[in-house]
Structures are given as C-alpha cells and as structure tokens.
Amino acid sequence: MDNNTTQAYDPSTDKKVTDSSKLMLMYFIIFSVTMMFGGLISAYLVSSIGQYWVHLTPPTALWISNALIITSSATLFASLKAMKEGNINRSKIFLIATLTLGIGFALSQYSGWNSLAQIGSGWGTETNDEGLAAYSWNRINELIESEAVYGEDFDVRINGTPILFNSEIGEFYAPNDPLMVRAITSDVIHRTNSSASYIWALILIHLFHLALGITYIGVNLARVVTGKINPKDTVRLKVLSIFWHFLGGLWLVLFFLLFIK
C-alpha cells in the first residue's frame, strides 16, 4: 500500500498567482475609476453645450502641480527600477523623493484652489431661485465684483467663443454684438456653469484618490524600510507605480478640461 500522499495545490502560496492577483485588482480599480470619470466628463460636455461657461486662467500654483506630479512619476519609476536591480538604498531615496513631491503636489493644489477662491472662482454653494442650496463652480457674480480682470484672469464663453464684457458698467454682451447694444447679463448669470455638479464630482474624486495615493506611498516606503518590499518581491511597488501614474494622468485630464479646453 502506497502511503505517499499528494499535497493539494494551494494557489495562495504561489507567488506568481498572488502577484498576478494584486496587479489584476489594481487594473480593475483603474478601469472602474476610468469608466466613472469618462461618464462624468461625457455628461459634463453634453450638458454644457449651449450654456455659458466661465473659463479661468490657471494660477501659477496649479502649473507647478503639473510639474510636481510629472516629476514624481519619474522618481517612482526610478525607485521601482532601482529595486529590481537590487539597489535598495537608491530605491528608498527615490521613493522618499516621490513622497516629498506628492506632498508638494497636494500643497500646490491647496494653494491653487485657494487663490481661485479668493476671486470668487472654484467650487462652492449658493442659493437658487427656489431657495435651495445648489452646487456652484466659478460663481459669476463674485468674479465680476472681485479684482479679477476680464480677459486676463477669466472670461465667459458659449460654445467655446468668449462673450463681450463692459467692465465700466458690469454688463455682458453677445459675441456678435461688438457695439454692445443689447446686454445679456441676466441671461448669463442664470445660465452660467449649469453643469457645475459634474465638476464638483470630478474634483472631489480627484482629491479622494490623491489622499489615497499619498498614503499608499507612505505605506510602501515603510515596507521598503522593513524589507517587505525587496528585489525579490517588487509587485507592491509596481502596483503603487501603476496607481500613481494613473492618478497623475487623471489630474492632467482634469486640468485640461477646466483650464485649457
């Protein structure tokens, strides 16, 4: 009688299987967030057709954000490469640099949004005609009353074309009314940024993922220090890289949508 027993295969102990599962989970998360972002952006673009929209000149702090997030992706790529090559100290240095740049990105985001809020732009809430609180983005009344200069700091567009503004009397005019004969200010105020709720959702999702990303960098830095991430086990650093590069891409898309388009 053969007393030899065959040990049952346990996939949870197979490193290739567990590594693949971690990567697949991250790809699934990215796919889900992409679909959500895509849906919100599509809804915003469709609903904003034929509506007045405030176009802002991005503050310097948000341009700095772009540079920081791109640089942080480069340092994280270098960290993963160094770890795969067996250079743990070099990998750690680049990961610390990534965390520092990530925190700098968050601070520049705060500074940028705060500077926009000072002139009445950015997100907020206001009371609609029914007396209910409504989400708002770039509140036109506050922009007009602020020190922001029309044509430099902001303008109002319809279907991509800037409308005219007489700063002396505070009145808006249609793009095809160069003599400024018929004011359309009331119409502009009531129909400006009617799709603001979509922008709210996009920005809040971005900020939520930014907080997760910075936390995740810190967690993985601790794993590198304790040796849980090492040259023979780099999958968690790779998963972090995928998420952080994706986060940077989302911000650049959002920046283009809000300030360039």
C-alpha atoms as a PDB file:
ATOM      1  CA  MET A   1       0.000   0.000   0.000  1.00  0.00           C
ATOM      2  CA  ASP A   2       1.372   3.379  -1.008  1.00  0.00           C
ATOM      3  CA  ASN A   3       1.471   5.680   1.993  1.00  0.00           C
ATOM      4  CA  ASN A   4       2.667   8.647  -0.055  1.00  0.00           C
ATOM      5  CA  THR A   5       0.099  11.401  -0.169  1.00  0.00           C
ATOM      6  CA  THR A   6      -0.021  14.152  -2.757  1.00  0.00           C
ATOM      7  CA  GLN A   7      -0.211  17.610  -1.207  1.00  0.00           C
ATOM      8  CA  ALA A   8      -3.120  19.652  -2.599  1.00  0.00           C
ATOM      9  CA  TYR A   9      -2.102  22.665  -4.625  1.00  0.00           C
ATOM     10  CA  ASP A  10      -2.768  25.915  -2.766  1.00  0.00           C
ATOM     11  CA  PRO A  11      -2.755  28.917  -5.140  1.00  0.00           C
ATOM     12  CA  SER A  12      -2.470  31.317  -2.186  1.00  0.00           C
ATOM     13  CA  THR A  13       1.087  30.115  -1.660  1.00  0.00           C
ATOM     14  CA  ASP A  14       2.064  30.549  -5.303  1.00  0.00           C
ATOM     15  CA  LYS A  15       3.872  33.887  -5.590  1.00  0.00           C
ATOM     16  CA  LYS A  16       3.138  34.211  -9.303  1.00  0.00           C
ATOM     17  CA  VAL A  17      -0.575  33.784  -8.641  1.00  0.00           C
ATOM     18  CA  THR A  18      -0.680  36.266  -5.742  1.00  0.00           C
ATOM     19  CA  ASP A  19       1.377  38.823  -7.669  1.00  0.00           C
ATOM     20  CA  SER A  20      -0.905  38.479 -10.658  1.00  0.00           C
ATOM     21  CA  SER A  21      -3.955  38.899  -8.393  1.00  0.00           C
ATOM     22  CA  LYS A  22      -2.588  42.137  -6.951  1.00  0.00           C
ATOM     23  CA  LEU A  23      -1.955  43.545 -10.409  1.00  0.00           C
ATOM     24  CA  MET A  24      -5.355  42.468 -11.701  1.00  0.00           C
ATOM     25  CA  LEU A  25      -7.069  44.103  -8.717  1.00  0.00           C
ATOM     26  CA  MET A  26      -5.305  47.391  -9.428  1.00  0.00           C
ATOM     27  CA  TYR A  27      -6.183  47.192 -13.131  1.00  0.00           C
ATOM     28  CA  PHE A  28      -9.813  46.598 -12.151  1.00  0.00           C
ATOM     29  CA  ILE A  29      -9.771  49.651  -9.869  1.00  0.00           C
ATOM     30  CA  ILE A  30      -8.259  51.770 -12.634  1.00  0.00           C
ATOM     31  CA  PHE A  31     -10.827  50.516 -15.129  1.00  0.00           C
ATOM     32  CA  SER A  32     -13.676  51.344 -12.725  1.00  0.00           C
ATOM     33  CA  VAL A  33     -12.381  54.845 -11.986  1.00  0.00           C
ATOM     34  CA  THR A  34     -11.779  55.477 -15.699  1.00  0.00           C
ATOM     35  CA  MET A  35     -15.358  54.497 -16.523  1.00  0.00           C
ATOM     36  CA  MET A  36     -16.663  56.763 -13.744  1.00  0.00           C
ATOM     37  CA  PHE A  37     -14.514  59.694 -14.882  1.00  0.00           C
ATOM     38  CA  GLY A  38     -15.454  59.062 -18.502  1.00  0.00           C
ATOM     39  CA  GLY A  39     -19.148  59.079 -17.655  1.00  0.00           C
ATOM     40  CA  LEU A  40     -18.937  62.309 -15.671  1.00  0.00           C
ATOM     41  CA  ILE A  41     -16.825  64.054 -18.314  1.00  0.00           C
ATOM     42  CA  SER A  42     -19.201  62.961 -21.090  1.00  0.00           C
ATOM     43  CA  ALA A  43     -22.215  64.166 -19.092  1.00  0.00           C
ATOM     44  CA  TYR A  44     -20.500  67.492 -18.422  1.00  0.00           C
ATOM     45  CA  LEU A  45     -19.543  68.050 -22.076  1.00  0.00           C
ATOM     46  CA  VAL A  46     -23.042  67.215 -23.344  1.00  0.00           C
ATOM     47  CA  SER A  47     -24.894  69.277 -20.730  1.00  0.00           C
ATOM     48  CA  SER A  48     -22.635  72.314 -21.195  1.00  0.00           C
ATOM     49  CA  ILE A  49     -23.447  72.662 -24.907  1.00  0.00           C
ATOM     50  CA  GLY A  50     -25.312  75.921 -25.466  1.00  0.00           C
ATOM     51  CA  GLN A  51     -24.587  77.121 -21.917  1.00  0.00           C
ATOM     52  CA  TYR A  52     -22.383  79.947 -20.721  1.00  0.00           C
ATOM     53  CA  TRP A  53     -19.200  78.767 -19.027  1.00  0.00           C
ATOM     54  CA  VAL A  54     -16.503  80.613 -17.097  1.00  0.00           C
ATOM     55  CA  HIS A  55     -13.031  79.962 -18.473  1.00  0.00           C
ATOM     56  CA  LEU A  56     -10.250  80.640 -15.975  1.00  0.00           C
ATOM     57  CA  THR A  57      -6.582  81.377 -16.369  1.00  0.00           C
ATOM     58  CA  PRO A  58      -4.914  78.729 -14.169  1.00  0.00           C
ATOM     59  CA  PRO A  59      -2.845  80.176 -11.302  1.00  0.00           C
ATOM     60  CA  THR A  60       0.875  79.533 -11.130  1.00  0.00           C
ATOM     61  CA  ALA A  61       0.409  77.054  -8.275  1.00  0.00           C
ATOM     62  CA  LEU A  62      -1.578  74.694 -10.497  1.00  0.00           C
ATOM     63  CA  TRP A  63       1.067  74.827 -13.222  1.00  0.00           C
ATOM     64  CA  ILE A  64       3.566  73.906 -10.504  1.00  0.00           C
ATOM     65  CA  SER A  65       1.258  70.997  -9.622  1.00  0.00           C
ATOM     66  CA  ASN A  66       1.653  69.705 -13.168  1.00  0.00           C
ATOM     67  CA  ALA A  67       5.444  69.782 -12.904  1.00  0.00           C
ATOM     68  CA  LEU A  68       5.421  68.106  -9.483  1.00  0.00           C
ATOM     69  CA  ILE A  69       3.120  65.231 -10.461  1.00  0.00           C
ATOM     70  CA  ILE A  70       5.098  64.519 -13.645  1.00  0.00           C
ATOM     71  CA  THR A  71       8.403  64.614 -11.749  1.00  0.00           C
ATOM     72  CA  SER A  72       7.009  62.349  -9.022  1.00  0.00           C
ATOM     73  CA  SER A  73       6.060  59.769 -11.636  1.00  0.00           C
ATOM     74  CA  ALA A  74       9.639  59.846 -12.901  1.00  0.00           C
ATOM     75  CA  THR A  75      11.103  59.343  -9.413  1.00  0.00           C
ATOM     76  CA  LEU A  76       8.702  56.493  -8.684  1.00  0.00           C
ATOM     77  CA  PHE A  77       9.677  54.823 -11.953  1.00  0.00           C
ATOM     78  CA  ALA A  78      13.325  55.207 -10.925  1.00  0.00           C
ATOM     79  CA  SER A  79      12.576  53.732  -7.487  1.00  0.00           C
ATOM     80  CA  LEU A  80      10.991  50.619  -8.976  1.00  0.00           C
ATOM     81  CA  LYS A  81      13.849  50.236 -11.466  1.00  0.00           C
ATOM     82  CA  ALA A  82      16.463  50.540  -8.702  1.00  0.00           C
ATOM     83  CA  MET A  83      14.668  47.957  -6.558  1.00  0.00           C
ATOM     84  CA  LYS A  84      14.538  45.463  -9.440  1.00  0.00           C
ATOM     85  CA  GLU A  85      18.283  45.994  -9.923  1.00  0.00           C
ATOM     86  CA  GLY A  86      18.905  45.225  -6.245  1.00  0.00           C
ATOM     87  CA  ASN A  87      19.839  48.764  -5.208  1.00  0.00           C
ATOM     88  CA  ILE A  88      17.595  49.112  -2.133  1.00  0.00           C
ATOM     89  CA  ASN A  89      19.088  52.357  -0.810  1.00  0.00           C
ATOM     90  CA  ARG A  90      18.731  54.063  -4.185  1.00  0.00           C
ATOM     91  CA  SER A  91      15.160  52.818  -4.445  1.00  0.00           C
ATOM     92  CA  LYS A  92      14.415  54.163  -0.962  1.00  0.00           C
ATOM     93  CA  ILE A  93      15.835  57.593  -1.830  1.00  0.00           C
ATOM     94  CA  PHE A  94      13.712  57.857  -4.958  1.00  0.00           C
ATOM     95  CA  LEU A  95      10.633  56.715  -3.027  1.00  0.00           C
ATOM     96  CA  ILE A  96      11.238  59.383  -0.367  1.00  0.00           C
ATOM     97  CA  ALA A  97      11.581  61.911  -3.202  1.00  0.00           C
ATOM     98  CA  THR A  98       8.266  60.681  -4.624  1.00  0.00           C
ATOM     99  CA  LEU A  99       6.536  61.111  -1.263  1.00  0.00           C
ATOM    100  CA  THR A 100       8.002  64.598  -0.899  1.00  0.00           C
ATOM    101  CA  LEU A 101       6.880  65.572  -4.400  1.00  0.00           C
ATOM    102  CA  GLY A 102       3.443  64.078  -3.713  1.00  0.00           C
ATOM    103  CA  ILE A 103       3.048  66.186  -0.592  1.00  0.00           C
ATOM    104  CA  GLY A 104       4.283  69.193  -2.572  1.00  0.00           C
ATOM    105  CA  PHE A 105       1.658  68.408  -5.218  1.00  0.00           C
ATOM    106  CA  ALA A 106      -1.070  68.357  -2.551  1.00  0.00           C
ATOM    107  CA  LEU A 107       0.129  71.673  -1.092  1.00  0.00           C
ATOM    108  CA  SER A 108       0.297  73.321  -4.518  1.00  0.00           C
ATOM    109  CA  GLN A 109      -3.227  72.060  -5.197  1.00  0.00           C
ATOM    110  CA  TYR A 110      -4.445  73.684  -1.993  1.00  0.00           C
ATOM    111  CA  SER A 111      -2.648  76.922  -2.841  1.00  0.00           C
ATOM    112  CA  GLY A 112      -4.035  76.944  -6.374  1.00  0.00           C
ATOM    113  CA  TRP A 113      -7.655  76.291  -5.422  1.00  0.00           C
ATOM    114  CA  ASN A 114      -7.389  78.774  -2.562  1.00  0.00           C
ATOM    115  CA  SER A 115      -6.107  81.521  -4.885  1.00  0.00           C
ATOM    116  CA  LEU A 116      -9.032  80.850  -7.220  1.00  0.00           C
ATOM    117  CA  ALA A 117     -11.466  81.016  -4.310  1.00  0.00           C
ATOM    118  CA  GLN A 118     -10.133  84.471  -3.415  1.00  0.00           C
ATOM    119  CA  ILE A 119     -11.595  85.881  -6.643  1.00  0.00           C
ATOM    120  CA  GLY A 120     -14.892  84.013  -6.344  1.00  0.00           C
ATOM    121  CA  SER A 121     -13.979  81.071  -8.522  1.00  0.00           C
ATOM    122  CA  GLY A 122     -13.555  77.422  -7.705  1.00  0.00           C
ATOM    123  CA  TRP A 123     -16.313  75.389  -6.134  1.00  0.00           C
ATOM    124  CA  GLY A 124     -18.884  76.417  -3.558  1.00  0.00           C
ATOM    125  CA  THR A 125     -22.597  76.507  -2.850  1.00  0.00           C
ATOM    126  CA  GLU A 126     -25.177  79.164  -3.500  1.00  0.00           C
ATOM    127  CA  THR A 127     -28.936  79.546  -3.163  1.00  0.00           C
ATOM    128  CA  ASN A 128     -31.020  79.025  -6.303  1.00  0.00           C
ATOM    129  CA  ASP A 129     -34.328  80.688  -7.203  1.00  0.00           C
ATOM    130  CA  GLU A 130     -36.254  78.151  -5.107  1.00  0.00           C
ATOM    131  CA  GLY A 131     -34.188  78.961  -2.021  1.00  0.00           C
ATOM    132  CA  LEU A 132     -32.364  75.641  -2.103  1.00  0.00           C
ATOM    133  CA  ALA A 133     -28.607  75.206  -1.782  1.00  0.00           C
ATOM    134  CA  ALA A 134     -27.033  74.318  -5.121  1.00  0.00           C
ATOM    135  CA  TYR A 135     -23.501  73.368  -6.099  1.00  0.00           C
ATOM    136  CA  SER A 136     -21.680  76.081  -7.999  1.00  0.00           C
ATOM    137  CA  TRP A 137     -18.442  76.419  -9.908  1.00  0.00           C
ATOM    138  CA  ASN A 138     -16.851  79.792 -10.695  1.00  0.00           C
ATOM    139  CA  ARG A 139     -19.636  81.982  -9.293  1.00  0.00           C
ATOM    140  CA  ILE A 140     -20.047  84.699 -11.906  1.00  0.00           C
ATOM    141  CA  ASN A 141     -21.422  87.374  -9.543  1.00  0.00           C
ATOM    142  CA  GLU A 142     -18.416  87.093  -7.241  1.00  0.00           C
ATOM    143  CA  LEU A 143     -15.993  87.099 -10.170  1.00  0.00           C
ATOM    144  CA  ILE A 144     -17.485  90.324 -11.533  1.00  0.00           C
ATOM    145  CA  GLU A 145     -17.334  92.013  -8.134  1.00  0.00           C
ATOM    146  CA  SER A 146     -13.797  90.828  -7.397  1.00  0.00           C
ATOM    147  CA  GLU A 147     -10.482  92.291  -8.557  1.00  0.00           C
ATOM    148  CA  ALA A 148     -10.223  89.666 -11.308  1.00  0.00           C
ATOM    149  CA  VAL A 149      -9.677  91.205 -14.736  1.00  0.00           C
ATOM    150  CA  TYR A 150     -11.983  90.028 -17.526  1.00  0.00           C
ATOM    151  CA  GLY A 151      -9.962  88.765 -20.469  1.00  0.00           C
ATOM    152  CA  GLU A 152      -6.886  88.134 -18.318  1.00  0.00           C
ATOM    153  CA  ASP A 153      -7.975  86.211 -15.226  1.00  0.00           C
ATOM    154  CA  PHE A 154     -11.197  84.848 -16.693  1.00  0.00           C
ATOM    155  CA  ASP A 155     -13.739  85.146 -19.462  1.00  0.00           C
ATOM    156  CA  VAL A 156     -17.193  83.729 -20.149  1.00  0.00           C
ATOM    157  CA  ARG A 157     -17.730  81.552 -23.204  1.00  0.00           C
ATOM    158  CA  ILE A 158     -20.600  79.964 -25.056  1.00  0.00           C
ATOM    159  CA  ASN A 159     -19.768  77.023 -27.315  1.00  0.00           C
ATOM    160  CA  GLY A 160     -16.087  77.934 -26.982  1.00  0.00           C
ATOM    161  CA  THR A 161     -16.486  81.599 -28.039  1.00  0.00           C
ATOM    162  CA  PRO A 162     -15.806  84.358 -25.471  1.00  0.00           C
ATOM    163  CA  ILE A 163     -18.638  86.828 -24.948  1.00  0.00           C
ATOM    164  CA  LEU A 164     -18.050  90.573 -24.549  1.00  0.00           C
ATOM    165  CA  PHE A 165     -17.923  92.403 -21.212  1.00  0.00           C
ATOM    166  CA  ASN A 166     -18.063  96.105 -20.406  1.00  0.00           C
ATOM    167  CA  SER A 167     -16.176  96.397 -17.125  1.00  0.00           C
ATOM    168  CA  GLU A 168     -17.286 100.024 -16.591  1.00  0.00           C
ATOM    169  CA  ILE A 169     -20.959  99.141 -16.255  1.00  0.00           C
ATOM    170  CA  GLY A 170     -20.592  95.423 -15.487  1.00  0.00           C
ATOM    171  CA  GLU A 171     -22.656  94.174 -18.425  1.00  0.00           C
ATOM    172  CA  PHE A 172     -22.192  91.186 -20.765  1.00  0.00           C
ATOM    173  CA  TYR A 173     -22.906  91.208 -24.491  1.00  0.00           C
ATOM    174  CA  ALA A 174     -23.142  88.509 -27.149  1.00  0.00           C
ATOM    175  CA  PRO A 175     -20.033  87.761 -29.253  1.00  0.00           C
ATOM    176  CA  ASN A 176     -21.850  89.075 -32.360  1.00  0.00           C
ATOM    177  CA  ASP A 177     -22.701  92.400 -30.675  1.00  0.00           C
ATOM    178  CA  PRO A 178     -19.395  94.331 -30.951  1.00  0.00           C
ATOM    179  CA  LEU A 179     -21.161  97.677 -30.396  1.00  0.00           C
ATOM    180  CA  MET A 180     -22.536  96.352 -27.105  1.00  0.00           C
ATOM    181  CA  VAL A 181     -26.106  97.370 -27.845  1.00  0.00           C
ATOM    182  CA  ARG A 182     -28.129  94.669 -26.080  1.00  0.00           C
ATOM    183  CA  ALA A 183     -26.952  93.457 -22.682  1.00  0.00           C
ATOM    184  CA  ILE A 184     -27.395  89.760 -21.888  1.00  0.00           C
ATOM    185  CA  THR A 185     -26.125  89.906 -18.311  1.00  0.00           C
ATOM    186  CA  SER A 186     -29.249  88.447 -16.715  1.00  0.00           C
ATOM    187  CA  ASP A 187     -29.226  85.514 -19.117  1.00  0.00           C
ATOM    188  CA  VAL A 188     -25.508  84.915 -18.495  1.00  0.00           C
ATOM    189  CA  ILE A 189     -25.935  84.903 -14.717  1.00  0.00           C
ATOM    190  CA  HIS A 190     -28.804  82.402 -14.833  1.00  0.00           C
ATOM    191  CA  ARG A 191     -27.229  80.113 -17.430  1.00  0.00           C
ATOM    192  CA  THR A 192     -23.577  80.119 -16.386  1.00  0.00           C
ATOM    193  CA  ASN A 193     -21.982  76.856 -15.243  1.00  0.00           C
ATOM    194  CA  SER A 194     -25.259  74.954 -15.104  1.00  0.00           C
ATOM    195  CA  SER A 195     -23.236  71.708 -15.233  1.00  0.00           C
ATOM    196  CA  ALA A 196     -21.242  72.562 -12.101  1.00  0.00           C
ATOM    197  CA  SER A 197     -22.320  69.423 -10.214  1.00  0.00           C
ATOM    198  CA  TYR A 198     -20.270  67.292 -12.623  1.00  0.00           C
ATOM    199  CA  ILE A 199     -17.181  69.438 -11.986  1.00  0.00           C
ATOM    200  CA  TRP A 200     -17.766  69.095  -8.262  1.00  0.00           C
ATOM    201  CA  ALA A 201     -17.844  65.322  -8.557  1.00  0.00           C
ATOM    202  CA  LEU A 202     -14.709  65.186 -10.728  1.00  0.00           C
ATOM    203  CA  ILE A 203     -12.668  67.354  -8.372  1.00  0.00           C
ATOM    204  CA  LEU A 204     -13.796  65.520  -5.230  1.00  0.00           C
ATOM    205  CA  ILE A 205     -12.949  62.156  -6.809  1.00  0.00           C
ATOM    206  CA  HIS A 206      -9.532  63.524  -7.755  1.00  0.00           C
ATOM    207  CA  LEU A 207      -8.857  64.777  -4.208  1.00  0.00           C
ATOM    208  CA  PHE A 208     -10.007  61.475  -2.708  1.00  0.00           C
ATOM    209  CA  HIS A 209      -7.619  59.487  -4.899  1.00  0.00           C
ATOM    210  CA  LEU A 210      -4.817  61.956  -4.166  1.00  0.00           C
ATOM    211  CA  ALA A 211      -5.198  61.295  -0.433  1.00  0.00           C
ATOM    212  CA  LEU A 212      -5.174  57.546  -1.086  1.00  0.00           C
ATOM    213  CA  GLY A 213      -2.115  57.836  -3.322  1.00  0.00           C
ATOM    214  CA  ILE A 214      -0.001  59.771  -0.823  1.00  0.00           C
ATOM    215  CA  THR A 215      -0.997  57.355   1.953  1.00  0.00           C
ATOM    216  CA  TYR A 216      -0.120  54.396  -0.275  1.00  0.00           C
ATOM    217  CA  ILE A 217       3.335  55.848  -0.989  1.00  0.00           C
ATOM    218  CA  GLY A 218       3.957  56.175   2.752  1.00  0.00           C
ATOM    219  CA  VAL A 219       2.833  52.584   3.355  1.00  0.00           C
ATOM    220  CA  ASN A 220       5.141  51.250   0.668  1.00  0.00           C
ATOM    221  CA  LEU A 221       8.047  53.330   1.929  1.00  0.00           C
ATOM    222  CA  ALA A 222       7.589  51.602   5.294  1.00  0.00           C
ATOM    223  CA  ARG A 223       7.555  48.242   3.502  1.00  0.00           C
ATOM    224  CA  VAL A 224      10.847  49.072   1.796  1.00  0.00           C
ATOM    225  CA  VAL A 225      12.408  50.095   5.109  1.00  0.00           C
ATOM    226  CA  THR A 226      11.259  46.866   6.828  1.00  0.00           C
ATOM    227  CA  GLY A 227      12.296  44.684   3.886  1.00  0.00           C
ATOM    228  CA  LYS A 228       8.794  43.544   2.941  1.00  0.00           C
ATOM    229  CA  ILE A 229       9.478  45.071  -0.464  1.00  0.00           C
ATOM    230  CA  ASN A 230      12.822  43.802  -1.718  1.00  0.00           C
ATOM    231  CA  PRO A 231      14.496  42.935  -5.024  1.00  0.00           C
ATOM    232  CA  LYS A 232      12.781  39.529  -4.995  1.00  0.00           C
ATOM    233  CA  ASP A 233       9.337  40.979  -4.211  1.00  0.00           C
ATOM    234  CA  THR A 234       8.609  44.218  -6.055  1.00  0.00           C
ATOM    235  CA  VAL A 235       4.976  43.689  -7.041  1.00  0.00           C
ATOM    236  CA  ARG A 236       3.574  46.090  -4.426  1.00  0.00           C
ATOM    237  CA  LEU A 237       5.925  48.811  -5.636  1.00  0.00           C
ATOM    238  CA  LYS A 238       4.783  48.098  -9.188  1.00  0.00           C
ATOM    239  CA  VAL A 239       1.114  48.316  -8.132  1.00  0.00           C
ATOM    240  CA  LEU A 240       1.852  51.667  -6.463  1.00  0.00           C
ATOM    241  CA  SER A 241       3.557  52.900  -9.641  1.00  0.00           C
ATOM    242  CA  ILE A 242       0.561  51.974 -11.777  1.00  0.00           C
ATOM    243  CA  PHE A 243      -1.832  53.776  -9.435  1.00  0.00           C
ATOM    244  CA  TRP A 244       0.331  56.907  -9.099  1.00  0.00           C
ATOM    245  CA  HIS A 245       0.932  57.240 -12.851  1.00  0.00           C
ATOM    246  CA  PHE A 246      -2.814  56.849 -13.373  1.00  0.00           C
ATOM    247  CA  LEU A 247      -3.546  59.496 -10.732  1.00  0.00           C
ATOM    248  CA  GLY A 248      -1.192  61.914 -12.477  1.00  0.00           C
ATOM    249  CA  GLY A 249      -2.895  61.258 -15.786  1.00  0.00           C
ATOM    250  CA  LEU A 250      -6.321  61.943 -14.260  1.00  0.00           C
ATOM    251  CA  TRP A 251      -5.141  65.283 -12.906  1.00  0.00           C
ATOM    252  CA  LEU A 252      -3.711  66.356 -16.270  1.00  0.00           C
ATOM    253  CA  VAL A 253      -7.008  65.456 -17.980  1.00  0.00           C
ATOM    254  CA  LEU A 254      -8.931  67.419 -15.342  1.00  0.00           C
ATOM    255  CA  PHE A 255      -6.559  70.380 -15.718  1.00  0.00           C
ATOM    256  CA  PHE A 256      -7.091  70.399 -19.480  1.00  0.00           C
ATOM    257  CA  LEU A 257     -10.859  70.142 -19.048  1.00  0.00           C
ATOM    258  CA  LEU A 258     -11.088  73.000 -16.537  1.00  0.00           C
ATOM    259  CA  PHE A 259      -8.471  75.435 -17.786  1.00  0.00           C
ATOM    260  CA  ILE A 260      -7.398  74.676 -21.358  1.00  0.00           C
ATOM    261  CA  LYS A 261     -10.461  73.420 -23.220  1.00  0.00           C
END
